Each structure stands twice: as C-alpha cells, then as structure tokens.
Amino acid sequence: MIYENCRFIYKSTLGSVIIAFFMLSNAYAQKEPQYTQYMYNIGSFNPGYVGTTENPEIIGSYRAQWIDLPGAPRTIRLGTNIPFTNEKMGMGFNVVSDQLGPTAQTNLDLAYSYQFNVSDDTKLSFGMNVGGSFLNVDFSKGTFENPGERFDQANIQNFYPTIGAGLFLYGRDTWYLGASIPNFLTDGIYNDEVASIIDGKMQFNFIGAYVFDLSDGLKFKPAFLINSLYGAPLNTNVSGNFLINDRFTLGASYRFDNAVSGLAGFQVGNGIFIGYSYDYNTNGLGEFNSGSHELVLKFYLGKGSNTSGGSGSNNKRLKGKPKQIDTPRFF
C-alpha cells in the first residue's frame, strides 16, 4: 500500500493530526507492506523464492508500525512455500492484510516457480504470482485535505487483479540474489476516486545475502533489500544477523534515513522458528511514536527441518544433489 499517497488526516487531537500528516508524507512511497524481517518474508514479494525450500513451510507475521500514532499501519501476513517432489517446481500462497487509517487492503495471490541448474552449486528459480487486491476505504474514519465532491460519496469497496514475477538465484552454501515486480497491473486499474488515495506505480524489489561461516557454532549473514518506486527515493534496508549454535539469531538492521532495528530469533525444536524485531525511527517521526514491533512465526513441515530461521540445513544429503542452500538461510 502506498502510505504517503493516502490524502487523509486521521481524526484525533490537533497534535495527533499534525503527527499523522507528517507520518504520511515521510513513508517512502512503499506500495508493498514493509517488513523489517524481510529475510523471513521473501515469498511475499518474490514468487521465485517459493519451491526453493527443502520442506513445506507456513509463515505468519504481524507488524505494528509507529506505535502511539493514530491510524498507523498494521500488517498481517500468512504465507506458504511448498516444494514439489521433482525438486524443480514449487507453489506458494499468500494472504496479506494491510491497514492504514481509513484504508484496508487485503491481497491474495498464488505463486508458482520453476528452477534451472545454472551449475553444480547454483540454481535459478523463476516465479510468477496471480491474485487480486480487495480495497476498502471508509471515509468516515478521517477528515481529508482539500475536501471536495469526490469525498462526499459512498465508501469505496473494489477488487483489482494482480500479476507479478520474480527471479531468485542462489548458491548451495552461502548466498542468494533476487529481483521481483509484485504487480505489473498498475496503470488504469484504479478509477479516479481510488487514484486519489492510492497512486498505482510499479515497484521493483532487489534482495541479496551472503553467509560467512565464522566457526563451528557461529555464522554471520549480511543482507539487503531495496525497494524502488518511480518518482520516490529508494527504500534501502541493510542488516546483519548472527546464527549461534543453529538455534539463536541476533542482529541489527538499518533502513536508510528512516529507522534502526534490533532482531532476535529462536528455533523451538525442529519445527518452529520465532523471530522478533523492534524499530526505532531515526528521522523526525521518532519523536512522536514508540517504535514498531514485528513478530514472525515459521512452521517447518516434513523431515529435515532442523535449522534456525532457514529452510533446511541437512549436511547428510548427498553431495552434488542439493535441493537448496546447505548453510542455514535466515529467511
């Protein structure tokens, strides 16, 4: 959802009104929901990722952004990654609910991927997603800038189709790179009323990471995520996570000119991973909110699910016939 293009001021005290307007004008033009723990939510914005996991996964996440600001974003995601037994194809399903003030948007999509062997140690996965977006705008929940006839009508409830694609290139042991466009159908799908609230522009996402094996019980993974939207500054995220004894993850993340974050995770047995992050705004908005909280739950189904925050690290698999990265991937 494009936060800064929602031309409303949430109902509250005069001080909260000013804060809410400041919030909306400094949201970096993000069309897709924002995740601090993007390494665990790749399937939500890159369909090329689905099918690259060793075992089926179910991922749930909740993000409460800019606590104490009226009408601030709230995002809930439920996703699945299902690799096929032929080790070349996979499917995924995503449901994302994104709320901001008077707007509520629910996105549903089905993703499919196919993998190619680039070399003995490298695979390229191409994916596509097809779905739709349900948009609901309740004008009674806000007072608007320059109110006119367009805001004197009934609330908006519309459905828009979505089609996206992504590439995910990864090495068996240590790295991955990805690029995606979550939705090609932007121009012409919004009517005049909705265009005043959500300005449809195509977003590009770029992601990458490299895993350093520091010792037997310690690994370090720097990663990045870049969101590019025409006419807006780049939304650039960089992070560094440590994996300790294949159970604990600790790290930090920085969103340029926006926020600094702390991340932690814990592997509960072989089948569940819990991740948490806290954001503190480094821009002027930090004076008016108590930060952002994000929680991630990952459930691994099937045998071999034994790594922290990753999709499988089974060193007993036959060498030369990898399904995916052997070194744990923190996503």
Protein backbone atom coordinates (compact mmCIF):
# COMPACT_ATOMS: atom_id res chain seq x y z
CA MET A 1 0.00 0.00 0.00
CA ILE A 2 1.29 3.47 -0.83
CA TYR A 3 1.20 5.14 2.55
CA GLU A 4 2.12 8.70 1.68
CA ASN A 5 -0.46 8.98 -1.07
CA CYS A 6 -3.40 8.44 1.31
CA ARG A 7 -4.54 12.05 1.46
CA PHE A 8 -6.27 11.93 4.81
CA ILE A 9 -5.66 13.26 8.29
CA TYR A 10 -6.79 10.81 10.95
CA LYS A 11 -9.33 12.11 13.48
CA SER A 12 -7.73 12.93 16.82
CA THR A 13 -6.39 15.88 18.75
CA LEU A 14 -4.71 18.73 16.89
CA GLY A 15 -1.26 17.40 17.83
CA SER A 16 -2.07 13.92 16.53
CA VAL A 17 -3.43 15.41 13.33
CA ILE A 18 -0.10 17.11 12.66
CA ILE A 19 1.82 13.95 13.52
CA ALA A 20 -0.36 11.80 11.27
CA PHE A 21 0.16 14.14 8.33
CA PHE A 22 3.93 14.10 8.94
CA MET A 23 3.80 10.32 9.07
CA LEU A 24 2.06 10.05 5.72
CA SER A 25 4.38 12.47 3.94
CA ASN A 26 7.51 10.58 5.02
CA ALA A 27 6.60 6.95 4.32
CA TYR A 28 8.97 6.45 1.37
CA ALA A 29 6.30 5.62 -1.20
CA GLN A 30 6.16 1.97 -0.27
CA LYS A 31 3.46 0.20 -2.22
CA GLU A 32 4.03 -3.26 -0.79
CA PRO A 33 3.86 -3.71 3.01
CA GLN A 34 7.10 -3.02 4.83
CA TYR A 35 8.95 -5.77 6.72
CA THR A 36 11.99 -5.38 8.95
CA GLN A 37 12.40 -9.17 8.95
CA TYR A 38 12.26 -9.31 5.16
CA MET A 39 14.63 -12.30 5.18
CA TYR A 40 11.72 -14.37 6.55
CA ASN A 41 9.10 -12.92 4.20
CA ILE A 42 10.75 -13.24 0.78
CA GLY A 43 7.87 -15.28 -0.60
CA SER A 44 5.50 -12.37 -0.04
CA PHE A 45 7.26 -10.15 -2.61
CA ASN A 46 9.29 -12.58 -4.80
CA PRO A 47 7.44 -15.60 -6.26
CA GLY A 48 10.78 -17.00 -7.44
CA TYR A 49 11.51 -17.96 -3.83
CA VAL A 50 8.68 -20.50 -3.49
CA GLY A 51 9.86 -24.03 -4.16
CA THR A 52 13.48 -23.32 -3.16
CA THR A 53 12.86 -24.59 0.36
CA GLU A 54 13.72 -28.18 1.23
CA ASN A 55 10.43 -28.81 3.06
CA PRO A 56 7.00 -27.15 3.08
CA GLU A 57 6.76 -24.06 5.26
CA ILE A 58 4.00 -21.97 6.79
CA ILE A 59 4.89 -18.39 7.74
CA GLY A 60 2.85 -15.98 9.81
CA SER A 61 3.84 -12.42 10.66
CA TYR A 62 2.39 -9.37 12.36
CA ARG A 63 3.74 -5.83 12.19
CA ALA A 64 2.53 -2.90 14.29
CA GLN A 65 4.17 0.22 12.89
CA TRP A 66 4.66 3.57 14.62
CA ILE A 67 3.07 2.73 17.96
CA ASP A 68 1.03 5.56 19.57
CA LEU A 69 0.25 7.26 16.23
CA PRO A 70 -3.48 7.16 15.39
CA GLY A 71 -4.19 5.26 12.19
CA ALA A 72 -0.62 3.92 11.84
CA PRO A 73 -0.05 0.84 9.62
CA ARG A 74 -0.83 -2.68 10.81
CA THR A 75 0.14 -5.65 8.62
CA ILE A 76 -0.73 -9.34 8.97
CA ARG A 77 0.65 -11.97 6.61
CA LEU A 78 0.04 -15.72 6.22
CA GLY A 79 2.12 -17.49 3.58
CA THR A 80 3.14 -20.97 2.45
CA ASN A 81 6.10 -22.38 0.49
CA ILE A 82 5.52 -25.83 -0.99
CA PRO A 83 8.33 -27.53 -2.97
CA PHE A 84 7.35 -30.31 -5.37
CA THR A 85 8.94 -33.73 -5.11
CA ASN A 86 10.62 -33.33 -8.51
CA GLU A 87 12.86 -30.65 -6.93
CA LYS A 88 12.27 -28.28 -9.85
CA MET A 89 8.91 -26.70 -9.13
CA GLY A 90 7.07 -25.20 -6.22
CA MET A 91 3.96 -23.30 -5.20
CA GLY A 92 3.12 -20.71 -2.61
CA PHE A 93 0.05 -18.94 -1.28
CA ASN A 94 -0.07 -15.52 0.38
CA VAL A 95 -2.71 -13.55 2.25
CA VAL A 96 -1.69 -10.08 3.42
CA SER A 97 -3.94 -7.68 5.31
CA ASP A 98 -2.64 -4.10 5.40
CA GLN A 99 -4.44 -1.33 7.27
CA LEU A 100 -3.73 2.39 7.42
CA GLY A 101 -6.25 4.84 8.86
CA PRO A 102 -9.44 4.67 6.78
CA THR A 103 -7.98 2.23 4.23
CA ALA A 104 -7.91 -1.55 4.49
CA GLN A 105 -6.34 -3.64 1.74
CA THR A 106 -6.27 -7.45 1.56
CA ASN A 107 -4.03 -9.10 -1.03
CA LEU A 108 -4.32 -12.73 -2.05
CA ASP A 109 -2.07 -14.46 -4.56
CA LEU A 110 -0.97 -17.89 -5.74
CA ALA A 111 2.68 -18.28 -6.83
CA TYR A 112 4.41 -20.88 -8.98
CA SER A 113 8.14 -21.33 -9.57
CA TYR A 114 10.42 -23.41 -11.78
CA GLN A 115 14.13 -23.95 -11.12
CA PHE A 116 17.04 -24.32 -13.54
CA ASN A 117 20.51 -25.65 -12.79
CA VAL A 118 22.99 -22.90 -13.62
CA SER A 119 25.92 -25.01 -12.35
CA ASP A 120 26.50 -27.85 -9.91
CA ASP A 121 26.24 -25.43 -7.00
CA THR A 122 23.90 -22.73 -8.32
CA LYS A 123 20.22 -22.66 -9.22
CA LEU A 124 17.98 -20.03 -10.78
CA SER A 125 14.30 -20.03 -9.88
CA PHE A 126 11.73 -18.14 -11.96
CA GLY A 127 8.32 -17.50 -10.44
CA MET A 128 5.01 -15.83 -11.20
CA ASN A 129 2.14 -14.85 -8.95
CA VAL A 130 -1.50 -14.24 -9.83
CA GLY A 131 -4.12 -12.88 -7.49
CA GLY A 132 -6.04 -9.83 -6.50
CA SER A 133 -6.38 -6.97 -4.06
CA PHE A 134 -9.53 -6.06 -2.12
CA LEU A 135 -9.56 -2.38 -1.23
CA ASN A 136 -11.90 -0.84 1.31
CA VAL A 137 -11.85 2.90 2.11
CA ASP A 138 -14.09 4.17 4.89
CA PHE A 139 -14.27 7.96 4.56
CA SER A 140 -15.99 8.29 7.93
CA LYS A 141 -12.70 7.42 9.67
CA GLY A 142 -10.84 10.57 8.64
CA THR A 143 -11.04 14.19 7.62
CA PHE A 144 -9.43 14.92 4.27
CA GLU A 145 -7.19 17.57 2.78
CA ASN A 146 -9.00 19.86 0.34
CA PRO A 147 -12.34 18.08 0.78
CA GLY A 148 -14.46 18.19 -2.33
CA GLU A 149 -17.14 16.32 -4.17
CA ARG A 150 -15.05 13.19 -4.58
CA PHE A 151 -15.11 12.64 -0.81
CA ASP A 152 -18.83 13.31 -0.45
CA GLN A 153 -19.79 9.94 -1.86
CA ALA A 154 -20.10 6.41 -0.55
CA ASN A 155 -17.20 4.41 0.76
CA ILE A 156 -15.04 2.53 -1.74
CA GLN A 157 -15.03 -1.25 -1.98
CA ASN A 158 -13.22 -2.54 -5.06
CA PHE A 159 -11.25 -5.52 -6.33
CA TYR A 160 -8.18 -5.29 -8.57
CA PRO A 161 -6.28 -8.16 -10.24
CA THR A 162 -2.54 -8.55 -9.70
CA ILE A 163 0.16 -10.30 -11.72
CA GLY A 164 3.82 -10.36 -10.67
CA ALA A 165 7.09 -12.15 -11.37
CA GLY A 166 10.44 -12.75 -9.74
CA LEU A 167 13.89 -14.30 -10.14
CA PHE A 168 15.76 -15.97 -7.29
CA LEU A 169 19.37 -17.04 -7.86
CA TYR A 170 21.09 -18.96 -5.08
CA GLY A 171 24.23 -20.92 -4.33
CA ARG A 172 24.08 -24.14 -2.38
CA ASP A 173 26.06 -22.95 0.60
CA THR A 174 26.46 -19.24 1.02
CA TRP A 175 24.47 -16.69 -0.96
CA TYR A 176 21.34 -15.59 -2.80
CA LEU A 177 20.21 -12.75 -5.06
CA GLY A 178 16.70 -11.88 -6.12
CA ALA A 179 14.69 -9.39 -8.16
CA SER A 180 10.92 -9.08 -8.45
CA ILE A 181 7.97 -6.98 -9.53
CA PRO A 182 4.99 -7.80 -7.27
CA ASN A 183 2.42 -6.34 -9.66
CA PHE A 184 2.57 -5.37 -13.33
CA LEU A 185 -1.06 -4.21 -13.44
CA THR A 186 -0.79 -0.66 -12.17
CA ASP A 187 -1.81 1.78 -14.90
CA GLY A 188 -5.51 2.05 -15.50
CA ILE A 189 -6.75 -0.30 -12.78
CA TYR A 190 -7.71 2.46 -10.36
CA ASN A 191 -10.67 4.73 -11.00
CA ASP A 192 -10.49 8.45 -10.31
CA GLU A 193 -11.75 8.08 -6.75
CA VAL A 194 -9.24 5.42 -5.73
CA ALA A 195 -6.36 7.07 -7.59
CA SER A 196 -6.70 9.99 -5.20
CA ILE A 197 -5.99 7.60 -2.34
CA ILE A 198 -3.64 5.03 -3.82
CA ASP A 199 -1.41 6.02 -6.72
CA GLY A 200 -0.62 2.84 -8.67
CA LYS A 201 3.03 2.66 -9.67
CA MET A 202 5.17 -0.38 -10.43
CA GLN A 203 7.54 -1.39 -7.63
CA PHE A 204 10.86 -3.23 -8.08
CA ASN A 205 12.43 -5.25 -5.29
CA PHE A 206 16.07 -6.37 -5.07
CA ILE A 207 17.39 -8.67 -2.35
CA GLY A 208 20.64 -10.41 -1.55
CA ALA A 209 22.70 -12.02 1.21
CA TYR A 210 25.93 -13.89 1.92
CA VAL A 211 26.60 -16.34 4.76
CA PHE A 212 30.03 -16.37 6.43
CA ASP A 213 30.93 -19.50 8.40
CA LEU A 214 32.95 -17.97 11.27
CA SER A 215 33.28 -21.12 13.38
CA ASP A 216 31.55 -24.41 14.11
CA GLY A 217 28.85 -22.70 16.15
CA LEU A 218 28.76 -19.22 14.66
CA LYS A 219 27.67 -17.88 11.27
CA PHE A 220 27.18 -14.31 10.09
CA LYS A 221 24.90 -13.15 7.30
CA PRO A 222 24.79 -9.60 5.92
CA ALA A 223 21.76 -8.95 3.73
CA PHE A 224 19.99 -6.15 1.87
CA LEU A 225 16.57 -5.29 0.46
CA ILE A 226 15.99 -2.38 -1.91
CA ASN A 227 12.51 -1.20 -2.94
CA SER A 228 12.35 1.06 -5.97
CA LEU A 229 9.21 3.00 -6.90
CA TYR A 230 9.19 5.51 -9.76
CA GLY A 231 9.29 9.10 -8.54
CA ALA A 232 10.23 8.22 -4.95
CA PRO A 233 13.52 7.78 -3.05
CA LEU A 234 14.93 4.27 -2.81
CA ASN A 235 13.85 2.38 0.29
CA THR A 236 17.14 0.69 1.26
CA ASN A 237 17.46 -1.85 4.07
CA VAL A 238 20.71 -3.45 5.22
CA SER A 239 21.04 -6.00 8.00
CA GLY A 240 23.48 -8.31 9.73
CA ASN A 241 22.47 -11.46 11.64
CA PHE A 242 24.46 -13.97 13.66
CA LEU A 243 23.37 -17.60 13.91
CA ILE A 244 24.54 -19.16 17.18
CA ASN A 245 24.64 -22.95 17.56
CA ASP A 246 21.93 -23.34 14.90
CA ARG A 247 19.38 -22.13 17.48
CA PHE A 248 19.64 -18.41 18.20
CA THR A 249 19.78 -15.46 15.85
CA LEU A 250 20.81 -11.96 16.89
CA GLY A 251 21.29 -8.98 14.63
CA ALA A 252 20.57 -5.42 13.63
CA SER A 253 19.09 -3.65 10.64
CA TYR A 254 19.18 -0.13 9.25
CA ARG A 255 16.66 1.49 6.92
CA PHE A 256 18.40 4.49 5.39
CA ASP A 257 17.14 7.85 6.69
CA ASN A 258 14.31 6.05 8.43
CA ALA A 259 14.95 3.55 11.23
CA VAL A 260 17.41 1.34 13.10
CA SER A 261 16.26 -2.09 14.30
CA GLY A 262 17.21 -4.93 16.59
CA LEU A 263 16.38 -8.53 15.62
CA ALA A 264 16.32 -11.78 17.57
CA GLY A 265 15.13 -15.29 16.85
CA PHE A 266 14.92 -18.71 18.43
CA GLN A 267 14.47 -22.19 16.97
CA VAL A 268 11.90 -24.12 19.04
CA GLY A 269 12.70 -27.77 18.42
CA ASN A 270 12.96 -28.81 14.80
CA GLY A 271 9.68 -27.44 13.54
CA ILE A 272 9.12 -23.86 14.77
CA PHE A 273 11.08 -20.63 14.49
CA ILE A 274 10.12 -17.42 16.33
CA GLY A 275 11.53 -14.06 15.28
CA TYR A 276 11.06 -10.58 16.74
CA SER A 277 12.25 -7.13 15.74
CA TYR A 278 11.93 -3.61 17.12
CA ASP A 279 12.34 -0.45 15.03
CA TYR A 280 13.29 3.00 16.27
CA ASN A 281 12.81 5.88 13.86
CA THR A 282 15.94 7.92 13.20
CA ASN A 283 14.06 10.68 11.38
CA GLY A 284 11.83 13.34 12.89
CA LEU A 285 8.99 10.88 13.26
CA GLY A 286 10.84 9.19 16.12
CA GLU A 287 9.80 12.00 18.45
CA PHE A 288 6.12 11.13 18.08
CA ASN A 289 5.92 7.32 18.29
CA SER A 290 7.17 4.44 20.43
CA GLY A 291 8.71 2.44 17.61
CA SER A 292 7.48 -0.52 15.57
CA HIS A 293 7.13 -4.16 16.59
CA GLU A 294 7.24 -7.18 14.29
CA LEU A 295 6.71 -10.86 15.09
CA VAL A 296 7.37 -13.82 12.77
CA LEU A 297 6.41 -17.49 13.21
CA LYS A 298 7.68 -20.17 10.83
CA PHE A 299 6.50 -23.78 10.86
CA TYR A 300 8.56 -26.41 9.03
CA LEU A 301 6.71 -29.49 7.81
CA GLY A 302 8.32 -32.81 6.99
CA LYS A 303 11.69 -34.32 7.74
CA GLY A 304 14.98 -32.43 7.88
CA SER A 305 13.52 -29.24 9.36
CA ASN A 306 16.32 -28.51 11.77
CA THR A 307 17.75 -25.04 11.24
CA SER A 308 17.28 -21.61 12.74
CA GLY A 309 15.21 -19.26 10.68
CA GLY A 310 16.18 -21.05 7.47
CA SER A 311 14.59 -23.59 5.25
CA GLY A 312 16.87 -26.51 5.93
CA SER A 313 20.49 -27.39 6.65
CA ASN A 314 20.86 -31.12 6.23
CA ASN A 315 24.54 -31.86 5.71
CA LYS A 316 23.74 -35.57 5.39
CA ARG A 317 22.20 -35.05 1.97
CA LEU A 318 24.11 -36.45 -0.97
CA LYS A 319 26.72 -34.01 -2.16
CA GLY A 320 26.22 -32.82 -5.72
CA LYS A 321 22.43 -33.20 -5.49
CA PRO A 322 21.37 -30.28 -3.35
CA LYS A 323 17.79 -29.10 -3.18
CA GLN A 324 18.94 -25.72 -1.89
CA ILE A 325 21.49 -23.93 0.28
CA ASP A 326 23.08 -26.23 2.89
CA THR A 327 24.21 -23.39 5.12
CA PRO A 328 21.18 -22.09 7.06
CA ARG A 329 19.38 -19.22 5.32
CA PHE A 330 17.80 -16.78 7.71
CA PHE A 331 14.57 -16.29 5.76
